């Protein structure tokens, strides 16, 4: 399933620092169901890999699906689900 990583920035609230950025994400148990809890594996730009707990959300206006994930250390990742075109 293809996902697009959305960059989150807290620079308005904190002093900007260089932090590793997520580069790859895998969500094997993703389901299009609001508030579905799923496991999210994330690879960061520094090579580290973390397991996060995610929650599936749906935009009520656009209908787009996303997953918001975090862990106990405060790592946060937001990804958008990209619909696959079944006509190809």
C-alpha atoms as a PDB file:
ATOM      1  CA  UNK A   1       0.000   0.000   0.000  1.00  0.00           C
ATOM      2  CA  UNK A   2       1.487   3.337  -0.955  1.00  0.00           C
ATOM      3  CA  UNK A   3       1.765   6.034   1.675  1.00  0.00           C
ATOM      4  CA  UNK A   4       3.014   9.627   1.478  1.00  0.00           C
ATOM      5  CA  UNK A   5       4.927  10.926   4.503  1.00  0.00           C
ATOM      6  CA  UNK A   6       3.745  14.376   5.585  1.00  0.00           C
ATOM      7  CA  UNK A   7       6.401  16.494   7.284  1.00  0.00           C
ATOM      8  CA  UNK A   8       5.522  17.809  10.721  1.00  0.00           C
ATOM      9  CA  UNK A   9       7.257  20.874  12.097  1.00  0.00           C
ATOM     10  CA  UNK A  10       7.102  22.294  15.601  1.00  0.00           C
ATOM     11  CA  UNK A  11       9.445  25.227  14.923  1.00  0.00           C
ATOM     12  CA  UNK A  12       6.802  27.780  15.885  1.00  0.00           C
ATOM     13  CA  UNK A  13       6.728  26.394  19.409  1.00  0.00           C
ATOM     14  CA  UNK A  14      10.334  25.318  19.859  1.00  0.00           C
ATOM     15  CA  UNK A  15      13.800  26.353  18.886  1.00  0.00           C
ATOM     16  CA  UNK A  16      14.614  24.642  15.556  1.00  0.00           C
ATOM     17  CA  UNK A  17      16.988  21.710  15.856  1.00  0.00           C
ATOM     18  CA  UNK A  18      18.247  19.146  13.375  1.00  0.00           C
ATOM     19  CA  UNK A  19      16.159  16.022  13.856  1.00  0.00           C
ATOM     20  CA  UNK A  20      16.078  12.858  11.756  1.00  0.00           C
ATOM     21  CA  UNK A  21      13.288  12.892   9.170  1.00  0.00           C
ATOM     22  CA  UNK A  22      11.160   9.851   8.329  1.00  0.00           C
ATOM     23  CA  UNK A  23      12.144   8.428   4.941  1.00  0.00           C
ATOM     24  CA  UNK A  24      10.186   5.188   4.712  1.00  0.00           C
ATOM     25  CA  UNK A  25       7.073   3.812   6.344  1.00  0.00           C
ATOM     26  CA  UNK A  26       5.425   0.401   6.447  1.00  0.00           C
ATOM     27  CA  UNK A  27       1.937  -0.300   7.801  1.00  0.00           C
ATOM     28  CA  UNK A  28       1.178  -3.984   7.189  1.00  0.00           C
ATOM     29  CA  UNK A  29      -2.117  -4.065   9.111  1.00  0.00           C
ATOM     30  CA  UNK A  30      -3.615  -0.850   7.640  1.00  0.00           C
ATOM     31  CA  UNK A  31      -7.403  -0.947   7.328  1.00  0.00           C
ATOM     32  CA  UNK A  32      -9.747   1.778   6.071  1.00  0.00           C
ATOM     33  CA  UNK A  33     -11.606   1.997   9.345  1.00  0.00           C
ATOM     34  CA  UNK A  34     -11.795   5.152  11.463  1.00  0.00           C
ATOM     35  CA  UNK A  35      -9.771   4.856  14.699  1.00  0.00           C
ATOM     36  CA  UNK A  36      -8.300   1.488  13.690  1.00  0.00           C
ATOM     37  CA  UNK A  37      -5.112   0.909  15.725  1.00  0.00           C
ATOM     38  CA  UNK A  38      -2.170  -0.276  13.647  1.00  0.00           C
ATOM     39  CA  UNK A  39       1.550  -0.933  13.986  1.00  0.00           C
ATOM     40  CA  UNK A  40       3.761   1.467  12.012  1.00  0.00           C
ATOM     41  CA  UNK A  41       7.415   0.726  11.152  1.00  0.00           C
ATOM     42  CA  UNK A  42       9.379   3.890  10.314  1.00  0.00           C
ATOM     43  CA  UNK A  43      12.906   4.310   8.941  1.00  0.00           C
ATOM     44  CA  UNK A  44      14.524   7.687   9.583  1.00  0.00           C
ATOM     45  CA  UNK A  45      17.179   9.629   7.661  1.00  0.00           C
ATOM     46  CA  UNK A  46      19.847   8.665  10.218  1.00  0.00           C
ATOM     47  CA  UNK A  47      19.211   4.951   9.556  1.00  0.00           C
ATOM     48  CA  UNK A  48      17.315   4.276  12.773  1.00  0.00           C
ATOM     49  CA  UNK A  49      14.150   2.187  12.679  1.00  0.00           C
ATOM     50  CA  UNK A  50      11.323   2.586  15.159  1.00  0.00           C
ATOM     51  CA  UNK A  51       8.019   0.881  15.845  1.00  0.00           C
ATOM     52  CA  UNK A  52       5.170   3.312  16.462  1.00  0.00           C
ATOM     53  CA  UNK A  53       1.509   2.853  17.332  1.00  0.00           C
ATOM     54  CA  UNK A  54      -0.791   4.451  14.782  1.00  0.00           C
ATOM     55  CA  UNK A  55      -4.420   5.457  14.494  1.00  0.00           C
ATOM     56  CA  UNK A  56      -6.275   5.605  11.183  1.00  0.00           C
ATOM     57  CA  UNK A  57      -8.157   8.851  10.603  1.00  0.00           C
ATOM     58  CA  UNK A  58     -10.367  10.085   7.777  1.00  0.00           C
ATOM     59  CA  UNK A  59     -10.881  13.699   6.748  1.00  0.00           C
ATOM     60  CA  UNK A  60     -14.670  14.209   6.941  1.00  0.00           C
ATOM     61  CA  UNK A  61     -14.632  16.745   4.089  1.00  0.00           C
ATOM     62  CA  UNK A  62     -12.259  15.216   1.541  1.00  0.00           C
ATOM     63  CA  UNK A  63     -12.626  11.578   2.597  1.00  0.00           C
ATOM     64  CA  UNK A  64      -8.827  11.082   2.472  1.00  0.00           C
ATOM     65  CA  UNK A  65      -7.336   8.474   4.799  1.00  0.00           C
ATOM     66  CA  UNK A  66      -4.295   9.155   6.999  1.00  0.00           C
ATOM     67  CA  UNK A  67      -2.398   7.480   9.804  1.00  0.00           C
ATOM     68  CA  UNK A  68      -1.105   9.418  12.793  1.00  0.00           C
ATOM     69  CA  UNK A  69       1.526   7.479  14.725  1.00  0.00           C
ATOM     70  CA  UNK A  70       3.655   8.071  17.814  1.00  0.00           C
ATOM     71  CA  UNK A  71       5.684   6.227  20.414  1.00  0.00           C
ATOM     72  CA  UNK A  72       6.502   6.712  24.097  1.00  0.00           C
ATOM     73  CA  UNK A  73       9.602   8.788  23.275  1.00  0.00           C
ATOM     74  CA  UNK A  74       7.607  11.428  21.422  1.00  0.00           C
ATOM     75  CA  UNK A  75       8.445  10.455  17.850  1.00  0.00           C
ATOM     76  CA  UNK A  76       5.487  11.454  15.675  1.00  0.00           C
ATOM     77  CA  UNK A  77       4.784  10.580  12.037  1.00  0.00           C
ATOM     78  CA  UNK A  78       1.804  11.481   9.870  1.00  0.00           C
ATOM     79  CA  UNK A  79       1.238   9.665   6.571  1.00  0.00           C
ATOM     80  CA  UNK A  80      -1.478   9.950   3.943  1.00  0.00           C
ATOM     81  CA  UNK A  81      -2.866   6.886   2.206  1.00  0.00           C
ATOM     82  CA  UNK A  82      -2.638   7.104  -1.580  1.00  0.00           C
ATOM     83  CA  UNK A  83      -5.468   5.342  -3.379  1.00  0.00           C
ATOM     84  CA  UNK A  84      -4.231   2.849  -5.957  1.00  0.00           C
ATOM     85  CA  UNK A  85      -5.783   3.168  -9.408  1.00  0.00           C
ATOM     86  CA  UNK A  86      -7.336  -0.220 -10.160  1.00  0.00           C
ATOM     87  CA  UNK A  87      -7.682   0.625 -13.892  1.00  0.00           C
ATOM     88  CA  UNK A  88      -3.958   0.269 -14.564  1.00  0.00           C
END
